[in-house]
Amino acid sequence: MRWTKALLPALVAGLLAVPWVAQAQGRADTLVVVTEVGPNMLDIHAPGANRPSYQSSWNIYDRLLTFGSKTLKDGSKMYDYASLKPELAESWQVAPDGMSVTFKLRKAI
């Protein structure tokens, strides 16, 4: 019993030192994300939506457009905020006055 009490802190410290990475291998797989603070709602347009709400919605909902991506000098990838890519929208046209956008939606998959 004594060795168990001495071993438990070392075991916990060892588990916390290992980086646990979860990645879904495909659309049929489930990705479980554990965070310290969760979303307070799934409607990011409602007043009071917190940052985790936005993080969740980015992974749950399809969008009309998404940002492109770029490779940094160190080889890592990040969003390219200067580049828009279609998602639900097949194409889009900005009005000459810049006050509206017309989206052509892709057909259902």
PDB file of N, CA and C in Angstrom:
ATOM      1  N   MET A   1       0.816  -1.187   0.000  1.00  0.00           N
ATOM      2  CA  MET A   1       0.000   0.000   0.000  1.00  0.00           C
ATOM      3  C   MET A   1       0.866   1.259   0.000  1.00  0.00           C
ATOM      4  N   ARG A   2       1.981   1.245   0.706  1.00  0.00           N
ATOM      5  CA  ARG A   2       2.855   2.417   0.754  1.00  0.00           C
ATOM      6  C   ARG A   2       3.445   2.728  -0.615  1.00  0.00           C
ATOM      7  N   TRP A   3       3.855   1.718  -1.331  1.00  0.00           N
ATOM      8  CA  TRP A   3       4.467   1.969  -2.647  1.00  0.00           C
ATOM      9  C   TRP A   3       3.441   2.546  -3.617  1.00  0.00           C
ATOM     10  N   THR A   4       2.165   2.214  -3.450  1.00  0.00           N
ATOM     11  CA  THR A   4       1.121   2.750  -4.314  1.00  0.00           C
ATOM     12  C   THR A   4       0.982   4.253  -4.098  1.00  0.00           C
ATOM     13  N   LYS A   5       1.000   4.703  -2.853  1.00  0.00           N
ATOM     14  CA  LYS A   5       0.890   6.130  -2.561  1.00  0.00           C
ATOM     15  C   LYS A   5       2.097   6.889  -3.088  1.00  0.00           C
ATOM     16  N   ALA A   6       3.265   6.269  -3.044  1.00  0.00           N
ATOM     17  CA  ALA A   6       4.471   6.921  -3.551  1.00  0.00           C
ATOM     18  C   ALA A   6       4.494   6.913  -5.077  1.00  0.00           C
ATOM     19  N   LEU A   7       3.927   5.887  -5.688  1.00  0.00           N
ATOM     20  CA  LEU A   7       3.955   5.739  -7.133  1.00  0.00           C
ATOM     21  C   LEU A   7       2.909   6.616  -7.824  1.00  0.00           C
ATOM     22  N   LEU A   8       1.793   6.878  -7.182  1.00  0.00           N
ATOM     23  CA  LEU A   8       0.702   7.629  -7.796  1.00  0.00           C
ATOM     24  C   LEU A   8       1.121   9.026  -8.285  1.00  0.00           C
ATOM     25  N   PRO A   9       1.794   9.841  -7.476  1.00  0.00           N
ATOM     26  CA  PRO A   9       2.213  11.158  -7.981  1.00  0.00           C
ATOM     27  C   PRO A   9       3.154  11.047  -9.178  1.00  0.00           C
ATOM     28  N   ALA A  10       4.046  10.084  -9.170  1.00  0.00           N
ATOM     29  CA  ALA A  10       4.968   9.908 -10.296  1.00  0.00           C
ATOM     30  C   ALA A  10       4.215   9.478 -11.553  1.00  0.00           C
ATOM     31  N   LEU A  11       3.222   8.621 -11.386  1.00  0.00           N
ATOM     32  CA  LEU A  11       2.417   8.164 -12.513  1.00  0.00           C
ATOM     33  C   LEU A  11       1.620   9.323 -13.111  1.00  0.00           C
ATOM     34  N   VAL A  12       0.997  10.118 -12.264  1.00  0.00           N
ATOM     35  CA  VAL A  12       0.221  11.274 -12.726  1.00  0.00           C
ATOM     36  C   VAL A  12       1.139  12.273 -13.430  1.00  0.00           C
ATOM     37  N   ALA A  13       2.307  12.548 -12.856  1.00  0.00           N
ATOM     38  CA  ALA A  13       3.256  13.482 -13.469  1.00  0.00           C
ATOM     39  C   ALA A  13       3.716  12.956 -14.822  1.00  0.00           C
ATOM     40  N   GLY A  14       3.927  11.659 -14.919  1.00  0.00           N
ATOM     41  CA  GLY A  14       4.336  11.061 -16.193  1.00  0.00           C
ATOM     42  C   GLY A  14       3.254  11.180 -17.256  1.00  0.00           C
ATOM     43  N   LEU A  15       2.010  10.971 -16.866  1.00  0.00           N
ATOM     44  CA  LEU A  15       0.909  11.090 -17.830  1.00  0.00           C
ATOM     45  C   LEU A  15       0.721  12.529 -18.291  1.00  0.00           C
ATOM     46  N   LEU A  16       0.909  13.490 -17.383  1.00  0.00           N
ATOM     47  CA  LEU A  16       0.748  14.884 -17.750  1.00  0.00           C
ATOM     48  C   LEU A  16       1.889  15.385 -18.632  1.00  0.00           C
ATOM     49  N   ALA A  17       3.050  14.745 -18.547  1.00  0.00           N
ATOM     50  CA  ALA A  17       4.199  15.161 -19.348  1.00  0.00           C
ATOM     51  C   ALA A  17       4.085  14.705 -20.799  1.00  0.00           C
ATOM     52  N   VAL A  18       3.261  13.700 -21.075  1.00  0.00           N
ATOM     53  CA  VAL A  18       3.115  13.180 -22.432  1.00  0.00           C
ATOM     54  C   VAL A  18       2.091  14.028 -23.177  1.00  0.00           C
ATOM     55  N   PRO A  19       2.462  14.575 -24.342  1.00  0.00           N
ATOM     56  CA  PRO A  19       1.468  15.342 -25.097  1.00  0.00           C
ATOM     57  C   PRO A  19       0.451  14.406 -25.740  1.00  0.00           C
ATOM     58  N   TRP A  20      -0.802  14.574 -25.396  1.00  0.00           N
ATOM     59  CA  TRP A  20      -1.865  13.738 -25.963  1.00  0.00           C
ATOM     60  C   TRP A  20      -2.467  14.458 -27.149  1.00  0.00           C
ATOM     61  N   VAL A  21      -2.396  13.854 -28.303  1.00  0.00           N
ATOM     62  CA  VAL A  21      -2.928  14.453 -29.520  1.00  0.00           C
ATOM     63  C   VAL A  21      -4.045  13.571 -30.051  1.00  0.00           C
ATOM     64  N   ALA A  22      -5.185  14.173 -30.309  1.00  0.00           N
ATOM     65  CA  ALA A  22      -6.315  13.443 -30.879  1.00  0.00           C
ATOM     66  C   ALA A  22      -6.563  13.967 -32.274  1.00  0.00           C
ATOM     67  N   GLN A  23      -6.602  13.074 -33.242  1.00  0.00           N
ATOM     68  CA  GLN A  23      -6.875  13.476 -34.614  1.00  0.00           C
ATOM     69  C   GLN A  23      -7.857  12.500 -35.229  1.00  0.00           C
ATOM     70  N   ALA A  24      -8.904  13.038 -35.829  1.00  0.00           N
ATOM     71  CA  ALA A  24      -9.854  12.197 -36.546  1.00  0.00           C
ATOM     72  C   ALA A  24      -9.219  11.798 -37.871  1.00  0.00           C
ATOM     73  N   GLN A  25      -9.314  10.543 -38.232  1.00  0.00           N
ATOM     74  CA  GLN A  25      -8.712  10.052 -39.470  1.00  0.00           C
ATOM     75  C   GLN A  25      -9.605  10.294 -40.676  1.00  0.00           C
ATOM     76  N   GLY A  26     -10.858  10.572 -40.446  1.00  0.00           N
ATOM     77  CA  GLY A  26     -11.776  10.820 -41.548  1.00  0.00           C
ATOM     78  C   GLY A  26     -13.089  11.347 -41.020  1.00  0.00           C
ATOM     79  N   ARG A  27     -14.021  11.608 -41.929  1.00  0.00           N
ATOM     80  CA  ARG A  27     -15.305  12.170 -41.535  1.00  0.00           C
ATOM     81  C   ARG A  27     -16.120  11.207 -40.671  1.00  0.00           C
ATOM     82  N   ALA A  28     -15.864   9.916 -40.775  1.00  0.00           N
ATOM     83  CA  ALA A  28     -16.624   8.936 -40.000  1.00  0.00           C
ATOM     84  C   ALA A  28     -16.116   8.824 -38.566  1.00  0.00           C
ATOM     85  N   ASP A  29     -14.922   9.349 -38.300  1.00  0.00           N
ATOM     86  CA  ASP A  29     -14.351   9.262 -36.962  1.00  0.00           C
ATOM     87  C   ASP A  29     -14.856  10.401 -36.087  1.00  0.00           C
ATOM     88  N   THR A  30     -14.708  10.234 -34.791  1.00  0.00           N
ATOM     89  CA  THR A  30     -15.128  11.245 -33.835  1.00  0.00           C
ATOM     90  C   THR A  30     -13.889  11.859 -33.203  1.00  0.00           C
ATOM     91  N   LEU A  31     -13.845  13.169 -33.164  1.00  0.00           N
ATOM     92  CA  LEU A  31     -12.760  13.890 -32.525  1.00  0.00           C
ATOM     93  C   LEU A  31     -13.308  14.486 -31.233  1.00  0.00           C
ATOM     94  N   VAL A  32     -12.724  14.135 -30.116  1.00  0.00           N
ATOM     95  CA  VAL A  32     -13.145  14.650 -28.823  1.00  0.00           C
ATOM     96  C   VAL A  32     -12.128  15.699 -28.389  1.00  0.00           C
ATOM     97  N   VAL A  33     -12.612  16.895 -28.088  1.00  0.00           N
ATOM     98  CA  VAL A  33     -11.748  17.979 -27.655  1.00  0.00           C
ATOM     99  C   VAL A  33     -12.101  18.319 -26.218  1.00  0.00           C
ATOM    100  N   VAL A  34     -11.098  18.337 -25.360  1.00  0.00           N
ATOM    101  CA  VAL A  34     -11.308  18.661 -23.953  1.00  0.00           C
ATOM    102  C   VAL A  34     -10.604  19.982 -23.673  1.00  0.00           C
ATOM    103  N   THR A  35     -11.357  20.944 -23.151  1.00  0.00           N
ATOM    104  CA  THR A  35     -10.783  22.232 -22.809  1.00  0.00           C
ATOM    105  C   THR A  35     -11.187  22.602 -21.390  1.00  0.00           C
ATOM    106  N   GLU A  36     -10.494  23.562 -20.845  1.00  0.00           N
ATOM    107  CA  GLU A  36     -10.783  23.993 -19.485  1.00  0.00           C
ATOM    108  C   GLU A  36     -12.112  24.747 -19.409  1.00  0.00           C
ATOM    109  N   VAL A  37     -12.389  25.549 -20.429  1.00  0.00           N
ATOM    110  CA  VAL A  37     -13.624  26.329 -20.472  1.00  0.00           C
ATOM    111  C   VAL A  37     -14.348  25.967 -21.758  1.00  0.00           C
ATOM    112  N   GLY A  38     -15.619  25.642 -21.655  1.00  0.00           N
ATOM    113  CA  GLY A  38     -16.386  25.250 -22.823  1.00  0.00           C
ATOM    114  C   GLY A  38     -17.212  26.388 -23.370  1.00  0.00           C
ATOM    115  N   PRO A  39     -17.844  26.142 -24.512  1.00  0.00           N
ATOM    116  CA  PRO A  39     -18.708  27.177 -25.089  1.00  0.00           C
ATOM    117  C   PRO A  39     -19.934  27.400 -24.208  1.00  0.00           C
ATOM    118  N   ASN A  40     -20.375  28.643 -24.124  1.00  0.00           N
ATOM    119  CA  ASN A  40     -21.574  28.919 -23.338  1.00  0.00           C
ATOM    120  C   ASN A  40     -22.830  28.887 -24.213  1.00  0.00           C
ATOM    121  N   MET A  41     -22.641  28.754 -25.532  1.00  0.00           N
ATOM    122  CA  MET A  41     -23.760  28.607 -26.470  1.00  0.00           C
ATOM    123  C   MET A  41     -23.198  28.210 -27.828  1.00  0.00           C
ATOM    124  N   LEU A  42     -24.056  27.770 -28.716  1.00  0.00           N
ATOM    125  CA  LEU A  42     -23.617  27.418 -30.068  1.00  0.00           C
ATOM    126  C   LEU A  42     -24.078  28.442 -31.097  1.00  0.00           C
ATOM    127  N   ASP A  43     -24.706  29.517 -30.655  1.00  0.00           N
ATOM    128  CA  ASP A  43     -25.115  30.601 -31.539  1.00  0.00           C
ATOM    129  C   ASP A  43     -24.123  31.743 -31.366  1.00  0.00           C
ATOM    130  N   ILE A  44     -23.160  31.831 -32.285  1.00  0.00           N
ATOM    131  CA  ILE A  44     -22.104  32.828 -32.120  1.00  0.00           C
ATOM    132  C   ILE A  44     -22.597  34.254 -32.371  1.00  0.00           C
ATOM    133  N   HIS A  45     -23.815  34.401 -32.879  1.00  0.00           N
ATOM    134  CA  HIS A  45     -24.352  35.729 -33.131  1.00  0.00           C
ATOM    135  C   HIS A  45     -25.152  36.273 -31.945  1.00  0.00           C
ATOM    136  N   ALA A  46     -25.355  35.453 -30.952  1.00  0.00           N
ATOM    137  CA  ALA A  46     -26.092  35.894 -29.767  1.00  0.00           C
ATOM    138  C   ALA A  46     -25.159  36.705 -28.860  1.00  0.00           C
ATOM    139  N   PRO A  47     -25.707  37.681 -28.164  1.00  0.00           N
ATOM    140  CA  PRO A  47     -24.880  38.464 -27.246  1.00  0.00           C
ATOM    141  C   PRO A  47     -24.270  37.574 -26.166  1.00  0.00           C
ATOM    142  N   GLY A  48     -23.013  37.778 -25.882  1.00  0.00           N
ATOM    143  CA  GLY A  48     -22.355  37.054 -24.806  1.00  0.00           C
ATOM    144  C   GLY A  48     -21.678  35.760 -25.205  1.00  0.00           C
ATOM    145  N   ALA A  49     -21.666  35.424 -26.491  1.00  0.00           N
ATOM    146  CA  ALA A  49     -20.982  34.194 -26.919  1.00  0.00           C
ATOM    147  C   ALA A  49     -19.495  34.324 -26.592  1.00  0.00           C
ATOM    148  N   ASN A  50     -18.942  33.309 -25.930  1.00  0.00           N
ATOM    149  CA  ASN A  50     -17.534  33.379 -25.542  1.00  0.00           C
ATOM    150  C   ASN A  50     -16.637  32.789 -26.643  1.00  0.00           C
ATOM    151  N   ARG A  51     -15.330  32.928 -26.479  1.00  0.00           N
ATOM    152  CA  ARG A  51     -14.374  32.460 -27.478  1.00  0.00           C
ATOM    153  C   ARG A  51     -14.522  30.969 -27.773  1.00  0.00           C
ATOM    154  N   PRO A  52     -14.700  30.096 -26.772  1.00  0.00           N
ATOM    155  CA  PRO A  52     -14.913  28.682 -27.086  1.00  0.00           C
ATOM    156  C   PRO A  52     -16.156  28.439 -27.957  1.00  0.00           C
ATOM    157  N   SER A  53     -17.156  29.322 -27.885  1.00  0.00           N
ATOM    158  CA  SER A  53     -18.324  29.203 -28.768  1.00  0.00           C
ATOM    159  C   SER A  53     -17.892  29.345 -30.219  1.00  0.00           C
ATOM    160  N   TYR A  54     -17.021  30.310 -30.482  1.00  0.00           N
ATOM    161  CA  TYR A  54     -16.516  30.512 -31.838  1.00  0.00           C
ATOM    162  C   TYR A  54     -15.674  29.320 -32.282  1.00  0.00           C
ATOM    163  N   GLN A  55     -14.849  28.797 -31.385  1.00  0.00           N
ATOM    164  CA  GLN A  55     -14.014  27.644 -31.724  1.00  0.00           C
ATOM    165  C   GLN A  55     -14.885  26.443 -32.065  1.00  0.00           C
ATOM    166  N   SER A  56     -15.943  26.230 -31.305  1.00  0.00           N
ATOM    167  CA  SER A  56     -16.840  25.108 -31.575  1.00  0.00           C
ATOM    168  C   SER A  56     -17.555  25.289 -32.899  1.00  0.00           C
ATOM    169  N   SER A  57     -18.079  26.481 -33.133  1.00  0.00           N
ATOM    170  CA  SER A  57     -18.843  26.713 -34.362  1.00  0.00           C
ATOM    171  C   SER A  57     -17.975  26.539 -35.597  1.00  0.00           C
ATOM    172  N   TRP A  58     -16.706  26.883 -35.506  1.00  0.00           N
ATOM    173  CA  TRP A  58     -15.795  26.727 -36.643  1.00  0.00           C
ATOM    174  C   TRP A  58     -15.679  25.254 -37.032  1.00  0.00           C
ATOM    175  N   ASN A  59     -15.807  24.364 -36.071  1.00  0.00           N
ATOM    176  CA  ASN A  59     -15.689  22.932 -36.343  1.00  0.00           C
ATOM    177  C   ASN A  59     -17.028  22.236 -36.572  1.00  0.00           C
ATOM    178  N   ILE A  60     -18.125  22.888 -36.236  1.00  0.00           N
ATOM    179  CA  ILE A  60     -19.445  22.263 -36.345  1.00  0.00           C
ATOM    180  C   ILE A  60     -20.174  22.662 -37.615  1.00  0.00           C
ATOM    181  N   TYR A  61     -20.147  23.953 -37.938  1.00  0.00           N
ATOM    182  CA  TYR A  61     -20.971  24.470 -39.015  1.00  0.00           C
ATOM    183  C   TYR A  61     -20.175  24.661 -40.296  1.00  0.00           C
ATOM    184  N   ASP A  62     -20.847  24.447 -41.440  1.00  0.00           N
ATOM    185  CA  ASP A  62     -20.269  24.810 -42.729  1.00  0.00           C
ATOM    186  C   ASP A  62     -20.432  26.309 -42.910  1.00  0.00           C
ATOM    187  N   ARG A  63     -19.508  26.902 -43.632  1.00  0.00           N
ATOM    188  CA  ARG A  63     -19.536  28.341 -43.878  1.00  0.00           C
ATOM    189  C   ARG A  63     -19.657  28.612 -45.379  1.00  0.00           C
ATOM    190  N   LEU A  64     -20.077  29.795 -45.743  1.00  0.00           N
ATOM    191  CA  LEU A  64     -20.103  30.171 -47.157  1.00  0.00           C
ATOM    192  C   LEU A  64     -18.685  30.183 -47.721  1.00  0.00           C
ATOM    193  N   LEU A  65     -17.779  30.793 -46.996  1.00  0.00           N
ATOM    194  CA  LEU A  65     -16.385  30.914 -47.406  1.00  0.00           C
ATOM    195  C   LEU A  65     -15.487  30.542 -46.243  1.00  0.00           C
ATOM    196  N   THR A  66     -14.271  30.216 -46.548  1.00  0.00           N
ATOM    197  CA  THR A  66     -13.277  29.990 -45.509  1.00  0.00           C
ATOM    198  C   THR A  66     -11.992  30.683 -45.944  1.00  0.00           C
ATOM    199  N   PHE A  67     -11.058  30.821 -45.051  1.00  0.00           N
ATOM    200  CA  PHE A  67      -9.773  31.406 -45.399  1.00  0.00           C
ATOM    201  C   PHE A  67      -8.920  30.365 -46.109  1.00  0.00           C
ATOM    202  N   GLY A  68      -8.032  30.841 -46.969  1.00  0.00           N
ATOM    203  CA  GLY A  68      -7.044  29.957 -47.573  1.00  0.00           C
ATOM    204  C   GLY A  68      -5.999  29.595 -46.527  1.00  0.00           C
ATOM    205  N   SER A  69      -4.975  28.897 -46.930  1.00  0.00           N
ATOM    206  CA  SER A  69      -3.896  28.560 -45.994  1.00  0.00           C
ATOM    207  C   SER A  69      -2.560  28.877 -46.642  1.00  0.00           C
ATOM    208  N   LYS A  70      -1.575  29.068 -45.806  1.00  0.00           N
ATOM    209  CA  LYS A  70      -0.225  29.321 -46.301  1.00  0.00           C
ATOM    210  C   LYS A  70       0.768  28.582 -45.415  1.00  0.00           C
ATOM    211  N   THR A  71       1.912  28.262 -45.999  1.00  0.00           N
ATOM    212  CA  THR A  71       2.976  27.571 -45.277  1.00  0.00           C
ATOM    213  C   THR A  71       4.004  28.604 -44.833  1.00  0.00           C
ATOM    214  N   LEU A  72       4.320  28.589 -43.551  1.00  0.00           N
ATOM    215  CA  LEU A  72       5.298  29.515 -42.995  1.00  0.00           C
ATOM    216  C   LEU A  72       6.712  28.999 -43.235  1.00  0.00           C
ATOM    217  N   LYS A  73       7.694  29.840 -42.958  1.00  0.00           N
ATOM    218  CA  LYS A  73       9.099  29.466 -43.181  1.00  0.00           C
ATOM    219  C   LYS A  73       9.510  28.222 -42.408  1.00  0.00           C
ATOM    220  N   ASP A  74       8.905  28.023 -41.231  1.00  0.00           N
ATOM    221  CA  ASP A  74       9.261  26.859 -40.412  1.00  0.00           C
ATOM    222  C   ASP A  74       8.529  25.587 -40.851  1.00  0.00           C
ATOM    223  N   GLY A  75       7.709  25.681 -41.908  1.00  0.00           N
ATOM    224  CA  GLY A  75       6.991  24.518 -42.423  1.00  0.00           C
ATOM    225  C   GLY A  75       5.594  24.350 -41.855  1.00  0.00           C
ATOM    226  N   SER A  76       5.241  25.125 -40.836  1.00  0.00           N
ATOM    227  CA  SER A  76       3.900  25.020 -40.266  1.00  0.00           C
ATOM    228  C   SER A  76       2.906  25.755 -41.160  1.00  0.00           C
ATOM    229  N   LYS A  77       1.637  25.398 -41.007  1.00  0.00           N
ATOM    230  CA  LYS A  77       0.590  26.022 -41.811  1.00  0.00           C
ATOM    231  C   LYS A  77      -0.266  26.923 -40.942  1.00  0.00           C
ATOM    232  N   MET A  78      -0.795  27.960 -41.562  1.00  0.00           N
ATOM    233  CA  MET A  78      -1.718  28.853 -40.868  1.00  0.00           C
ATOM    234  C   MET A  78      -2.704  29.410 -41.882  1.00  0.00           C
ATOM    235  N   TYR A  79      -3.783  30.020 -41.378  1.00  0.00           N
ATOM    236  CA  TYR A  79      -4.749  30.643 -42.270  1.00  0.00           C
ATOM    237  C   TYR A  79      -4.107  31.812 -42.992  1.00  0.00           C
ATOM    238  N   ASP A  80      -4.489  31.987 -44.256  1.00  0.00           N
ATOM    239  CA  ASP A  80      -4.091  33.149 -45.036  1.00  0.00           C
ATOM    240  C   ASP A  80      -5.308  34.066 -45.077  1.00  0.00           C
ATOM    241  N   TYR A  81      -5.320  35.065 -44.217  1.00  0.00           N
ATOM    242  CA  TYR A  81      -6.487  35.923 -44.067  1.00  0.00           C
ATOM    243  C   TYR A  81      -6.709  36.839 -45.280  1.00  0.00           C
ATOM    244  N   ALA A  82      -5.748  36.872 -46.204  1.00  0.00           N
ATOM    245  CA  ALA A  82      -5.895  37.668 -47.420  1.00  0.00           C
ATOM    246  C   ALA A  82      -6.497  36.857 -48.563  1.00  0.00           C
ATOM    247  N   SER A  83      -6.765  35.569 -48.307  1.00  0.00           N
ATOM    248  CA  SER A  83      -7.260  34.678 -49.359  1.00  0.00           C
ATOM    249  C   SER A  83      -8.551  34.001 -48.909  1.00  0.00           C
ATOM    250  N   LEU A  84      -9.601  34.125 -49.712  1.00  0.00           N
ATOM    251  CA  LEU A  84     -10.866  33.455 -49.416  1.00  0.00           C
ATOM    252  C   LEU A  84     -11.052  32.275 -50.360  1.00  0.00           C
ATOM    253  N   LYS A  85     -11.553  31.177 -49.822  1.00  0.00           N
ATOM    254  CA  LYS A  85     -11.808  29.965 -50.591  1.00  0.00           C
ATOM    255  C   LYS A  85     -13.274  29.588 -50.434  1.00  0.00           C
ATOM    256  N   PRO A  86     -13.882  29.006 -51.478  1.00  0.00           N
ATOM    257  CA  PRO A  86     -15.284  28.604 -51.378  1.00  0.00           C
ATOM    258  C   PRO A  86     -15.468  27.431 -50.432  1.00  0.00           C
ATOM    259  N   GLU A  87     -16.592  27.419 -49.752  1.00  0.00           N
ATOM    260  CA  GLU A  87     -16.979  26.270 -48.932  1.00  0.00           C
ATOM    261  C   GLU A  87     -18.397  25.888 -49.356  1.00  0.00           C
ATOM    262  N   LEU A  88     -19.435  26.492 -48.790  1.00  0.00           N
ATOM    263  CA  LEU A  88     -20.795  26.268 -49.292  1.00  0.00           C
ATOM    264  C   LEU A  88     -21.040  27.065 -50.569  1.00  0.00           C
ATOM    265  N   ALA A  89     -20.381  28.195 -50.696  1.00  0.00           N
ATOM    266  CA  ALA A  89     -20.530  29.015 -51.891  1.00  0.00           C
ATOM    267  C   ALA A  89     -19.670  28.431 -53.005  1.00  0.00           C
ATOM    268  N   GLU A  90     -20.245  28.350 -54.171  1.00  0.00           N
ATOM    269  CA  GLU A  90     -19.486  27.905 -55.347  1.00  0.00           C
ATOM    270  C   GLU A  90     -18.718  29.098 -55.921  1.00  0.00           C
ATOM    271  N   SER A  91     -19.372  30.258 -55.895  1.00  0.00           N
ATOM    272  CA  SER A  91     -18.746  31.502 -56.346  1.00  0.00           C
ATOM    273  C   SER A  91     -19.468  32.665 -55.681  1.00  0.00           C
ATOM    274  N   TRP A  92     -18.903  33.856 -55.811  1.00  0.00           N
ATOM    275  CA  TRP A  92     -19.523  35.029 -55.234  1.00  0.00           C
ATOM    276  C   TRP A  92     -19.139  36.260 -56.052  1.00  0.00           C
ATOM    277  N   GLN A  93     -20.007  37.254 -55.997  1.00  0.00           N
ATOM    278  CA  GLN A  93     -19.799  38.487 -56.749  1.00  0.00           C
ATOM    279  C   GLN A  93     -20.094  39.663 -55.823  1.00  0.00           C
ATOM    280  N   VAL A  94     -19.124  40.547 -55.683  1.00  0.00           N
ATOM    281  CA  VAL A  94     -19.300  41.748 -54.870  1.00  0.00           C
ATOM    282  C   VAL A  94     -19.934  42.812 -55.761  1.00  0.00           C
ATOM    283  N   ALA A  95     -20.967  43.480 -55.252  1.00  0.00           N
ATOM    284  CA  ALA A  95     -21.651  44.539 -55.997  1.00  0.00           C
ATOM    285  C   ALA A  95     -20.678  45.687 -56.262  1.00  0.00           C
ATOM    286  N   PRO A  96     -20.876  46.402 -57.358  1.00  0.00           N
ATOM    287  CA  PRO A  96     -19.985  47.525 -57.688  1.00  0.00           C
ATOM    288  C   PRO A  96     -19.862  48.560 -56.569  1.00  0.00           C
ATOM    289  N   ASP A  97     -20.928  48.762 -55.808  1.00  0.00           N
ATOM    290  CA  ASP A  97     -20.853  49.739 -54.712  1.00  0.00           C
ATOM    291  C   ASP A  97     -20.216  49.158 -53.449  1.00  0.00           C
ATOM    292  N   GLY A  98     -19.888  47.869 -53.471  1.00  0.00           N
ATOM    293  CA  GLY A  98     -19.246  47.220 -52.321  1.00  0.00           C
ATOM    294  C   GLY A  98     -20.152  47.003 -51.137  1.00  0.00           C
ATOM    295  N   MET A  99     -21.465  47.193 -51.316  1.00  0.00           N
ATOM    296  CA  MET A  99     -22.395  47.117 -50.190  1.00  0.00           C
ATOM    297  C   MET A  99     -23.094  45.766 -50.070  1.00  0.00           C
ATOM    298  N   SER A 100     -22.917  44.879 -51.043  1.00  0.00           N
ATOM    299  CA  SER A 100     -23.565  43.568 -50.962  1.00  0.00           C
ATOM    300  C   SER A 100     -22.746  42.542 -51.728  1.00  0.00           C
ATOM    301  N   VAL A 101     -23.028  41.295 -51.425  1.00  0.00           N
ATOM    302  CA  VAL A 101     -22.355  40.178 -52.088  1.00  0.00           C
ATOM    303  C   VAL A 101     -23.429  39.182 -52.498  1.00  0.00           C
ATOM    304  N   THR A 102     -23.344  38.679 -53.723  1.00  0.00           N
ATOM    305  CA  THR A 102     -24.255  37.644 -54.199  1.00  0.00           C
ATOM    306  C   THR A 102     -23.486  36.337 -54.254  1.00  0.00           C
ATOM    307  N   PHE A 103     -24.015  35.311 -53.558  1.00  0.00           N
ATOM    308  CA  PHE A 103     -23.368  34.006 -53.505  1.00  0.00           C
ATOM    309  C   PHE A 103     -24.131  33.013 -54.372  1.00  0.00           C
ATOM    310  N   LYS A 104     -23.405  32.212 -55.121  1.00  0.00           N
ATOM    311  CA  LYS A 104     -23.981  31.078 -55.836  1.00  0.00           C
ATOM    312  C   LYS A 104     -23.589  29.847 -55.003  1.00  0.00           C
ATOM    313  N   LEU A 105     -24.614  29.156 -54.490  1.00  0.00           N
ATOM    314  CA  LEU A 105     -24.357  28.014 -53.614  1.00  0.00           C
ATOM    315  C   LEU A 105     -24.131  26.753 -54.422  1.00  0.00           C
ATOM    316  N   ARG A 106     -23.238  25.905 -53.917  1.00  0.00           N
ATOM    317  CA  ARG A 106     -22.983  24.627 -54.586  1.00  0.00           C
ATOM    318  C   ARG A 106     -24.166  23.707 -54.352  1.00  0.00           C
ATOM    319  N   LYS A 107     -24.328  22.741 -55.219  1.00  0.00           N
ATOM    320  CA  LYS A 107     -25.411  21.772 -55.071  1.00  0.00           C
ATOM    321  C   LYS A 107     -25.128  20.886 -53.871  1.00  0.00           C
ATOM    322  N   ALA A 108     -26.187  20.358 -53.275  1.00  0.00           N
ATOM    323  CA  ALA A 108     -26.043  19.477 -52.101  1.00  0.00           C
ATOM    324  C   ALA A 108     -25.225  18.249 -52.473  1.00  0.00           C
ATOM    325  N   ILE A 109     -24.453  17.789 -51.521  1.00  0.00           N
ATOM    326  CA  ILE A 109     -23.624  16.599 -51.750  1.00  0.00           C
ATOM    327  C   ILE A 109     -24.384  15.359 -51.356  1.00  0.00           C
TER     328      ILE A 109
END
